Amino acid sequence: MLTISTKEETRDGRPFIRLTIKDSGCGIPEEIIGKVFDPFFTTKETGKGTGLGLSISLGIVREHRGDIRIESVKGFGSSFHVLIPALSAG
């Protein structure tokens, strides 16, 4: 199952919008979670993926002064939290 949600939050005194994408999959093993944003890192077999998707996504979000954070529990799925600075209405 895939769940998508949004929430306003404040970090370091700055307003953000948090977009959370959560799945109920197998989770990301602890030994590779620190590598998922590395360019060309993939767990797929040769020829089945480039390993650029998460690296590019993080680059785009950071260009807009945001961040992506991951929570994962093996056997229970993963949550990706995309933090994007909120714009004022004025």
PDB file of N, CA and C in Angstrom:
ATOM      1  N   MET A   1       0.838  -1.167   0.000  1.00  0.00           N
ATOM      2  CA  MET A   1       0.000   0.000   0.000  1.00  0.00           C
ATOM      3  C   MET A   1       0.895   1.246   0.000  1.00  0.00           C
ATOM      4  N   LEU A   2       0.433   2.279  -0.661  1.00  0.00           N
ATOM      5  CA  LEU A   2       1.158   3.545  -0.734  1.00  0.00           C
ATOM      6  C   LEU A   2       0.292   4.637  -0.131  1.00  0.00           C
ATOM      7  N   THR A   3       0.870   5.404   0.774  1.00  0.00           N
ATOM      8  CA  THR A   3       0.155   6.503   1.418  1.00  0.00           C
ATOM      9  C   THR A   3       0.923   7.794   1.174  1.00  0.00           C
ATOM     10  N   ILE A   4       0.214   8.840   0.773  1.00  0.00           N
ATOM     11  CA  ILE A   4       0.825  10.152   0.537  1.00  0.00           C
ATOM     12  C   ILE A   4       0.099  11.158   1.417  1.00  0.00           C
ATOM     13  N   SER A   5       0.866  11.955   2.148  1.00  0.00           N
ATOM     14  CA  SER A   5       0.273  12.960   3.029  1.00  0.00           C
ATOM     15  C   SER A   5       1.125  14.228   3.039  1.00  0.00           C
ATOM     16  N   THR A   6       0.517  15.326   3.476  1.00  0.00           N
ATOM     17  CA  THR A   6       1.240  16.593   3.622  1.00  0.00           C
ATOM     18  C   THR A   6       0.966  17.158   5.017  1.00  0.00           C
ATOM     19  N   LYS A   7       1.893  17.990   5.465  1.00  0.00           N
ATOM     20  CA  LYS A   7       1.767  18.600   6.787  1.00  0.00           C
ATOM     21  C   LYS A   7       2.648  19.840   6.822  1.00  0.00           C
ATOM     22  N   GLU A   8       2.200  20.861   7.506  1.00  0.00           N
ATOM     23  CA  GLU A   8       3.037  22.043   7.746  1.00  0.00           C
ATOM     24  C   GLU A   8       3.868  21.774   8.994  1.00  0.00           C
ATOM     25  N   GLU A   9       5.123  22.191   8.972  1.00  0.00           N
ATOM     26  CA  GLU A   9       5.955  22.069  10.163  1.00  0.00           C
ATOM     27  C   GLU A   9       7.026  23.148  10.165  1.00  0.00           C
ATOM     28  N   THR A  10       7.591  23.372  11.333  1.00  0.00           N
ATOM     29  CA  THR A  10       8.641  24.373  11.491  1.00  0.00           C
ATOM     30  C   THR A  10       9.927  23.669  11.896  1.00  0.00           C
ATOM     31  N   ARG A  11      11.003  24.022  11.202  1.00  0.00           N
ATOM     32  CA  ARG A  11      12.336  23.494  11.519  1.00  0.00           C
ATOM     33  C   ARG A  11      13.290  24.670  11.587  1.00  0.00           C
ATOM     34  N   ASP A  12      14.012  24.774  12.678  1.00  0.00           N
ATOM     35  CA  ASP A  12      14.971  25.864  12.868  1.00  0.00           C
ATOM     36  C   ASP A  12      14.316  27.228  12.649  1.00  0.00           C
ATOM     37  N   GLY A  13      13.071  27.358  13.071  1.00  0.00           N
ATOM     38  CA  GLY A  13      12.352  28.624  12.961  1.00  0.00           C
ATOM     39  C   GLY A  13      11.837  28.940  11.567  1.00  0.00           C
ATOM     40  N   ARG A  14      11.969  28.009  10.634  1.00  0.00           N
ATOM     41  CA  ARG A  14      11.524  28.240   9.255  1.00  0.00           C
ATOM     42  C   ARG A  14      10.329  27.331   8.929  1.00  0.00           C
ATOM     43  N   PRO A  15       9.328  27.872   8.229  1.00  0.00           N
ATOM     44  CA  PRO A  15       8.170  27.031   7.873  1.00  0.00           C
ATOM     45  C   PRO A  15       8.471  26.134   6.664  1.00  0.00           C
ATOM     46  N   PHE A  16       8.029  24.895   6.754  1.00  0.00           N
ATOM     47  CA  PHE A  16       8.192  23.919   5.683  1.00  0.00           C
ATOM     48  C   PHE A  16       6.868  23.217   5.418  1.00  0.00           C
ATOM     49  N   ILE A  17       6.742  22.700   4.227  1.00  0.00           N
ATOM     50  CA  ILE A  17       5.699  21.751   3.901  1.00  0.00           C
ATOM     51  C   ILE A  17       6.393  20.397   3.812  1.00  0.00           C
ATOM     52  N   ARG A  18       5.845  19.425   4.525  1.00  0.00           N
ATOM     53  CA  ARG A  18       6.414  18.076   4.492  1.00  0.00           C
ATOM     54  C   ARG A  18       5.480  17.175   3.683  1.00  0.00           C
ATOM     55  N   LEU A  19       6.008  16.640   2.602  1.00  0.00           N
ATOM     56  CA  LEU A  19       5.305  15.659   1.784  1.00  0.00           C
ATOM     57  C   LEU A  19       5.861  14.298   2.171  1.00  0.00           C
ATOM     58  N   THR A  20       5.007  13.409   2.639  1.00  0.00           N
ATOM     59  CA  THR A  20       5.449  12.087   3.056  1.00  0.00           C
ATOM     60  C   THR A  20       4.875  11.037   2.120  1.00  0.00           C
ATOM     61  N   ILE A  21       5.744  10.195   1.617  1.00  0.00           N
ATOM     62  CA  ILE A  21       5.360   9.058   0.792  1.00  0.00           C
ATOM     63  C   ILE A  21       5.763   7.815   1.571  1.00  0.00           C
ATOM     64  N   LYS A  22       4.767   7.024   1.952  1.00  0.00           N
ATOM     65  CA  LYS A  22       5.006   5.858   2.801  1.00  0.00           C
ATOM     66  C   LYS A  22       4.518   4.604   2.084  1.00  0.00           C
ATOM     67  N   ASP A  23       5.342   3.554   2.136  1.00  0.00           N
ATOM     68  CA  ASP A  23       4.913   2.284   1.557  1.00  0.00           C
ATOM     69  C   ASP A  23       4.905   1.199   2.621  1.00  0.00           C
ATOM     70  N   SER A  24       4.252   0.110   2.302  1.00  0.00           N
ATOM     71  CA  SER A  24       4.184  -1.010   3.247  1.00  0.00           C
ATOM     72  C   SER A  24       5.023  -2.178   2.740  1.00  0.00           C
ATOM     73  N   GLY A  25       6.101  -1.860   2.030  1.00  0.00           N
ATOM     74  CA  GLY A  25       6.976  -2.877   1.443  1.00  0.00           C
ATOM     75  C   GLY A  25       7.896  -3.524   2.460  1.00  0.00           C
ATOM     76  N   CYS A  26       9.002  -4.037   1.962  1.00  0.00           N
ATOM     77  CA  CYS A  26       9.929  -4.807   2.802  1.00  0.00           C
ATOM     78  C   CYS A  26      10.908  -3.938   3.585  1.00  0.00           C
ATOM     79  N   GLY A  27      10.922  -2.620   3.331  1.00  0.00           N
ATOM     80  CA  GLY A  27      11.865  -1.750   4.025  1.00  0.00           C
ATOM     81  C   GLY A  27      13.221  -1.744   3.350  1.00  0.00           C
ATOM     82  N   ILE A  28      14.063  -0.835   3.791  1.00  0.00           N
ATOM     83  CA  ILE A  28      15.411  -0.697   3.240  1.00  0.00           C
ATOM     84  C   ILE A  28      16.393  -1.225   4.275  1.00  0.00           C
ATOM     85  N   PRO A  29      17.199  -2.207   3.901  1.00  0.00           N
ATOM     86  CA  PRO A  29      18.169  -2.749   4.861  1.00  0.00           C
ATOM     87  C   PRO A  29      19.094  -1.658   5.412  1.00  0.00           C
ATOM     88  N   GLU A  30      19.399  -1.759   6.683  1.00  0.00           N
ATOM     89  CA  GLU A  30      20.227  -0.769   7.374  1.00  0.00           C
ATOM     90  C   GLU A  30      21.579  -0.553   6.693  1.00  0.00           C
ATOM     91  N   GLU A  31      22.147  -1.616   6.131  1.00  0.00           N
ATOM     92  CA  GLU A  31      23.467  -1.491   5.528  1.00  0.00           C
ATOM     93  C   GLU A  31      23.481  -0.707   4.214  1.00  0.00           C
ATOM     94  N   ILE A  32      22.326  -0.453   3.609  1.00  0.00           N
ATOM     95  CA  ILE A  32      22.326   0.322   2.361  1.00  0.00           C
ATOM     96  C   ILE A  32      21.554   1.641   2.455  1.00  0.00           C
ATOM     97  N   ILE A  33      20.858   1.890   3.557  1.00  0.00           N
ATOM     98  CA  ILE A  33      20.036   3.100   3.640  1.00  0.00           C
ATOM     99  C   ILE A  33      20.867   4.376   3.470  1.00  0.00           C
ATOM    100  N   GLY A  34      22.109   4.353   3.902  1.00  0.00           N
ATOM    101  CA  GLY A  34      22.981   5.516   3.747  1.00  0.00           C
ATOM    102  C   GLY A  34      23.489   5.728   2.334  1.00  0.00           C
ATOM    103  N   LYS A  35      23.223   4.780   1.452  1.00  0.00           N
ATOM    104  CA  LYS A  35      23.713   4.865   0.073  1.00  0.00           C
ATOM    105  C   LYS A  35      22.625   5.204  -0.944  1.00  0.00           C
ATOM    106  N   VAL A  36      21.359   5.215  -0.535  1.00  0.00           N
ATOM    107  CA  VAL A  36      20.274   5.308  -1.521  1.00  0.00           C
ATOM    108  C   VAL A  36      20.276   6.594  -2.340  1.00  0.00           C
ATOM    109  N   PHE A  37      20.886   7.656  -1.831  1.00  0.00           N
ATOM    110  CA  PHE A  37      20.948   8.914  -2.582  1.00  0.00           C
ATOM    111  C   PHE A  37      22.248   9.060  -3.380  1.00  0.00           C
ATOM    112  N   ASP A  38      23.146   8.082  -3.276  1.00  0.00           N
ATOM    113  CA  ASP A  38      24.401   8.135  -4.028  1.00  0.00           C
ATOM    114  C   ASP A  38      24.121   7.967  -5.524  1.00  0.00           C
ATOM    115  N   PRO A  39      24.728   8.819  -6.365  1.00  0.00           N
ATOM    116  CA  PRO A  39      24.548   8.647  -7.813  1.00  0.00           C
ATOM    117  C   PRO A  39      24.999   7.250  -8.250  1.00  0.00           C
ATOM    118  N   PHE A  40      24.196   6.643  -9.082  1.00  0.00           N
ATOM    119  CA  PHE A  40      24.447   5.330  -9.691  1.00  0.00           C
ATOM    120  C   PHE A  40      24.313   4.157  -8.732  1.00  0.00           C
ATOM    121  N   PHE A  41      23.892   4.399  -7.470  1.00  0.00           N
ATOM    122  CA  PHE A  41      23.667   3.274  -6.566  1.00  0.00           C
ATOM    123  C   PHE A  41      22.329   2.625  -6.917  1.00  0.00           C
ATOM    124  N   THR A  42      22.324   1.331  -7.094  1.00  0.00           N
ATOM    125  CA  THR A  42      21.088   0.596  -7.348  1.00  0.00           C
ATOM    126  C   THR A  42      21.204  -0.800  -6.759  1.00  0.00           C
ATOM    127  N   THR A  43      20.079  -1.353  -6.400  1.00  0.00           N
ATOM    128  CA  THR A  43      20.039  -2.736  -5.929  1.00  0.00           C
ATOM    129  C   THR A  43      19.538  -3.653  -7.042  1.00  0.00           C
ATOM    130  N   LYS A  44      19.235  -3.064  -8.187  1.00  0.00           N
ATOM    131  CA  LYS A  44      18.738  -3.847  -9.318  1.00  0.00           C
ATOM    132  C   LYS A  44      19.894  -4.501 -10.069  1.00  0.00           C
ATOM    133  N   GLU A  45      19.572  -5.547 -10.787  1.00  0.00           N
ATOM    134  CA  GLU A  45      20.605  -6.222 -11.569  1.00  0.00           C
ATOM    135  C   GLU A  45      21.068  -5.337 -12.716  1.00  0.00           C
ATOM    136  N   THR A  46      22.244  -5.623 -13.235  1.00  0.00           N
ATOM    137  CA  THR A  46      22.842  -4.834 -14.308  1.00  0.00           C
ATOM    138  C   THR A  46      21.875  -4.691 -15.478  1.00  0.00           C
ATOM    139  N   GLY A  47      21.745  -3.457 -15.951  1.00  0.00           N
ATOM    140  CA  GLY A  47      20.871  -3.174 -17.082  1.00  0.00           C
ATOM    141  C   GLY A  47      19.423  -2.911 -16.720  1.00  0.00           C
ATOM    142  N   LYS A  48      19.066  -2.992 -15.440  1.00  0.00           N
ATOM    143  CA  LYS A  48      17.678  -2.809 -15.018  1.00  0.00           C
ATOM    144  C   LYS A  48      17.403  -1.463 -14.354  1.00  0.00           C
ATOM    145  N   GLY A  49      18.404  -0.634 -14.194  1.00  0.00           N
ATOM    146  CA  GLY A  49      18.204   0.670 -13.578  1.00  0.00           C
ATOM    147  C   GLY A  49      19.495   1.451 -13.559  1.00  0.00           C
ATOM    148  N   THR A  50      19.377   2.781 -13.512  1.00  0.00           N
ATOM    149  CA  THR A  50      20.576   3.619 -13.532  1.00  0.00           C
ATOM    150  C   THR A  50      21.033   4.045 -12.151  1.00  0.00           C
ATOM    151  N   GLY A  51      20.125   4.010 -11.168  1.00  0.00           N
ATOM    152  CA  GLY A  51      20.489   4.472  -9.837  1.00  0.00           C
ATOM    153  C   GLY A  51      20.575   5.975  -9.740  1.00  0.00           C
ATOM    154  N   LEU A  52      19.843   6.677 -10.608  1.00  0.00           N
ATOM    155  CA  LEU A  52      19.892   8.141 -10.593  1.00  0.00           C
ATOM    156  C   LEU A  52      18.631   8.788 -10.027  1.00  0.00           C
ATOM    157  N   GLY A  53      17.548   8.063  -9.900  1.00  0.00           N
ATOM    158  CA  GLY A  53      16.269   8.643  -9.493  1.00  0.00           C
ATOM    159  C   GLY A  53      16.303   9.383  -8.170  1.00  0.00           C
ATOM    160  N   LEU A  54      16.756   8.729  -7.112  1.00  0.00           N
ATOM    161  CA  LEU A  54      16.778   9.385  -5.799  1.00  0.00           C
ATOM    162  C   LEU A  54      17.859  10.452  -5.724  1.00  0.00           C
ATOM    163  N   SER A  55      18.971  10.247  -6.397  1.00  0.00           N
ATOM    164  CA  SER A  55      20.036  11.243  -6.413  1.00  0.00           C
ATOM    165  C   SER A  55      19.551  12.536  -7.074  1.00  0.00           C
ATOM    166  N   ILE A  56      18.885  12.411  -8.197  1.00  0.00           N
ATOM    167  CA  ILE A  56      18.344  13.586  -8.899  1.00  0.00           C
ATOM    168  C   ILE A  56      17.257  14.248  -8.065  1.00  0.00           C
ATOM    169  N   SER A  57      16.381  13.443  -7.463  1.00  0.00           N
ATOM    170  CA  SER A  57      15.309  13.992  -6.627  1.00  0.00           C
ATOM    171  C   SER A  57      15.878  14.817  -5.475  1.00  0.00           C
ATOM    172  N   LEU A  58      16.876  14.285  -4.798  1.00  0.00           N
ATOM    173  CA  LEU A  58      17.495  15.014  -3.686  1.00  0.00           C
ATOM    174  C   LEU A  58      18.130  16.306  -4.192  1.00  0.00           C
ATOM    175  N   GLY A  59      18.798  16.261  -5.340  1.00  0.00           N
ATOM    176  CA  GLY A  59      19.415  17.466  -5.900  1.00  0.00           C
ATOM    177  C   GLY A  59      18.396  18.552  -6.184  1.00  0.00           C
ATOM    178  N   ILE A  60      17.257  18.184  -6.756  1.00  0.00           N
ATOM    179  CA  ILE A  60      16.200  19.163  -7.056  1.00  0.00           C
ATOM    180  C   ILE A  60      15.647  19.762  -5.772  1.00  0.00           C
ATOM    181  N   VAL A  61      15.364  18.921  -4.790  1.00  0.00           N
ATOM    182  CA  VAL A  61      14.814  19.408  -3.521  1.00  0.00           C
ATOM    183  C   VAL A  61      15.816  20.325  -2.817  1.00  0.00           C
ATOM    184  N   ARG A  62      17.082  19.974  -2.823  1.00  0.00           N
ATOM    185  CA  ARG A  62      18.094  20.815  -2.172  1.00  0.00           C
ATOM    186  C   ARG A  62      18.300  22.140  -2.900  1.00  0.00           C
ATOM    187  N   GLU A  63      18.134  22.143  -4.216  1.00  0.00           N
ATOM    188  CA  GLU A  63      18.217  23.411  -4.960  1.00  0.00           C
ATOM    189  C   GLU A  63      17.144  24.400  -4.499  1.00  0.00           C
ATOM    190  N   HIS A  64      16.073  23.874  -3.949  1.00  0.00           N
ATOM    191  CA  HIS A  64      14.983  24.712  -3.445  1.00  0.00           C
ATOM    192  C   HIS A  64      15.040  24.849  -1.920  1.00  0.00           C
ATOM    193  N   ARG A  65      16.231  24.622  -1.349  1.00  0.00           N
ATOM    194  CA  ARG A  65      16.511  24.760   0.085  1.00  0.00           C
ATOM    195  C   ARG A  65      15.699  23.793   0.946  1.00  0.00           C
ATOM    196  N   GLY A  66      15.456  22.605   0.414  1.00  0.00           N
ATOM    197  CA  GLY A  66      14.735  21.584   1.156  1.00  0.00           C
ATOM    198  C   GLY A  66      15.621  20.396   1.452  1.00  0.00           C
ATOM    199  N   ASP A  67      14.997  19.302   1.861  1.00  0.00           N
ATOM    200  CA  ASP A  67      15.739  18.096   2.196  1.00  0.00           C
ATOM    201  C   ASP A  67      14.810  16.896   2.069  1.00  0.00           C
ATOM    202  N   ILE A  68      15.385  15.711   1.981  1.00  0.00           N
ATOM    203  CA  ILE A  68      14.627  14.467   2.000  1.00  0.00           C
ATOM    204  C   ILE A  68      15.192  13.611   3.120  1.00  0.00           C
ATOM    205  N   ARG A  69      14.293  13.087   3.935  1.00  0.00           N
ATOM    206  CA  ARG A  69      14.700  12.214   5.039  1.00  0.00           C
ATOM    207  C   ARG A  69      13.978  10.882   4.902  1.00  0.00           C
ATOM    208  N   ILE A  70      14.639   9.821   5.317  1.00  0.00           N
ATOM    209  CA  ILE A  70      14.085   8.475   5.188  1.00  0.00           C
ATOM    210  C   ILE A  70      13.943   7.838   6.564  1.00  0.00           C
ATOM    211  N   GLU A  71      12.813   7.164   6.761  1.00  0.00           N
ATOM    212  CA  GLU A  71      12.631   6.270   7.904  1.00  0.00           C
ATOM    213  C   GLU A  71      12.280   4.916   7.317  1.00  0.00           C
ATOM    214  N   SER A  72      12.906   3.871   7.786  1.00  0.00           N
ATOM    215  CA  SER A  72      12.621   2.548   7.260  1.00  0.00           C
ATOM    216  C   SER A  72      12.798   1.504   8.346  1.00  0.00           C
ATOM    217  N   VAL A  73      11.873   0.560   8.364  1.00  0.00           N
ATOM    218  CA  VAL A  73      11.949  -0.558   9.294  1.00  0.00           C
ATOM    219  C   VAL A  73      11.827  -1.826   8.462  1.00  0.00           C
ATOM    220  N   LYS A  74      12.851  -2.649   8.530  1.00  0.00           N
ATOM    221  CA  LYS A  74      12.867  -3.872   7.742  1.00  0.00           C
ATOM    222  C   LYS A  74      11.603  -4.689   8.025  1.00  0.00           C
ATOM    223  N   GLY A  75      10.919  -5.052   6.963  1.00  0.00           N
ATOM    224  CA  GLY A  75       9.687  -5.833   7.077  1.00  0.00           C
ATOM    225  C   GLY A  75       8.431  -5.002   7.235  1.00  0.00           C
ATOM    226  N   PHE A  76       8.572  -3.676   7.396  1.00  0.00           N
ATOM    227  CA  PHE A  76       7.401  -2.830   7.618  1.00  0.00           C
ATOM    228  C   PHE A  76       7.302  -1.652   6.659  1.00  0.00           C
ATOM    229  N   GLY A  77       8.244  -1.481   5.747  1.00  0.00           N
ATOM    230  CA  GLY A  77       8.154  -0.420   4.764  1.00  0.00           C
ATOM    231  C   GLY A  77       9.045   0.767   5.066  1.00  0.00           C
ATOM    232  N   SER A  78       8.878   1.777   4.208  1.00  0.00           N
ATOM    233  CA  SER A  78       9.717   2.979   4.289  1.00  0.00           C
ATOM    234  C   SER A  78       8.868   4.226   4.147  1.00  0.00           C
ATOM    235  N   SER A  79       9.358   5.313   4.722  1.00  0.00           N
ATOM    236  CA  SER A  79       8.737   6.620   4.565  1.00  0.00           C
ATOM    237  C   SER A  79       9.795   7.597   4.084  1.00  0.00           C
ATOM    238  N   PHE A  80       9.476   8.315   3.024  1.00  0.00           N
ATOM    239  CA  PHE A  80      10.323   9.378   2.515  1.00  0.00           C
ATOM    240  C   PHE A  80       9.636  10.687   2.844  1.00  0.00           C
ATOM    241  N   HIS A  81      10.314  11.553   3.586  1.00  0.00           N
ATOM    242  CA  HIS A  81       9.777  12.848   3.984  1.00  0.00           C
ATOM    243  C   HIS A  81      10.508  13.926   3.164  1.00  0.00           C
ATOM    244  N   VAL A  82       9.764  14.581   2.285  1.00  0.00           N
ATOM    245  CA  VAL A  82      10.322  15.642   1.452  1.00  0.00           C
ATOM    246  C   VAL A  82       9.952  16.961   2.111  1.00  0.00           C
ATOM    247  N   LEU A  83      10.955  17.697   2.558  1.00  0.00           N
ATOM    248  CA  LEU A  83      10.750  18.990   3.219  1.00  0.00           C
ATOM    249  C   LEU A  83      11.054  20.098   2.236  1.00  0.00           C
ATOM    250  N   ILE A  84      10.055  20.959   2.001  1.00  0.00           N
ATOM    251  CA  ILE A  84      10.204  22.061   1.058  1.00  0.00           C
ATOM    252  C   ILE A  84       9.835  23.345   1.779  1.00  0.00           C
ATOM    253  N   PRO A  85      10.669  24.393   1.699  1.00  0.00           N
ATOM    254  CA  PRO A  85      10.329  25.640   2.384  1.00  0.00           C
ATOM    255  C   PRO A  85       8.979  26.179   1.905  1.00  0.00           C
ATOM    256  N   ALA A  86       8.181  26.616   2.858  1.00  0.00           N
ATOM    257  CA  ALA A  86       6.876  27.191   2.552  1.00  0.00           C
ATOM    258  C   ALA A  86       7.063  28.640   2.110  1.00  0.00           C
ATOM    259  N   LEU A  87       6.242  29.051   1.186  1.00  0.00           N
ATOM    260  CA  LEU A  87       6.261  30.444   0.734  1.00  0.00           C
ATOM    261  C   LEU A  87       5.178  31.213   1.467  1.00  0.00           C
ATOM    262  N   SER A  88       5.438  32.471   1.765  1.00  0.00           N
ATOM    263  CA  SER A  88       4.432  33.280   2.409  1.00  0.00           C
ATOM    264  C   SER A  88       3.369  33.678   1.399  1.00  0.00           C
ATOM    265  N   ALA A  89       2.161  33.915   1.885  1.00  0.00           N
ATOM    266  CA  ALA A  89       1.038  34.253   1.008  1.00  0.00           C
ATOM    267  C   ALA A  89       1.164  35.672   0.452  1.00  0.00           C
ATOM    268  N   GLY A  90       1.998  36.498   1.077  1.00  0.00           N
ATOM    269  CA  GLY A  90       2.100  37.899   0.679  1.00  0.00           C
ATOM    270  C   GLY A  90       3.084  38.045  -0.382  1.00  0.00           C
TER     271      GLY A  90
END
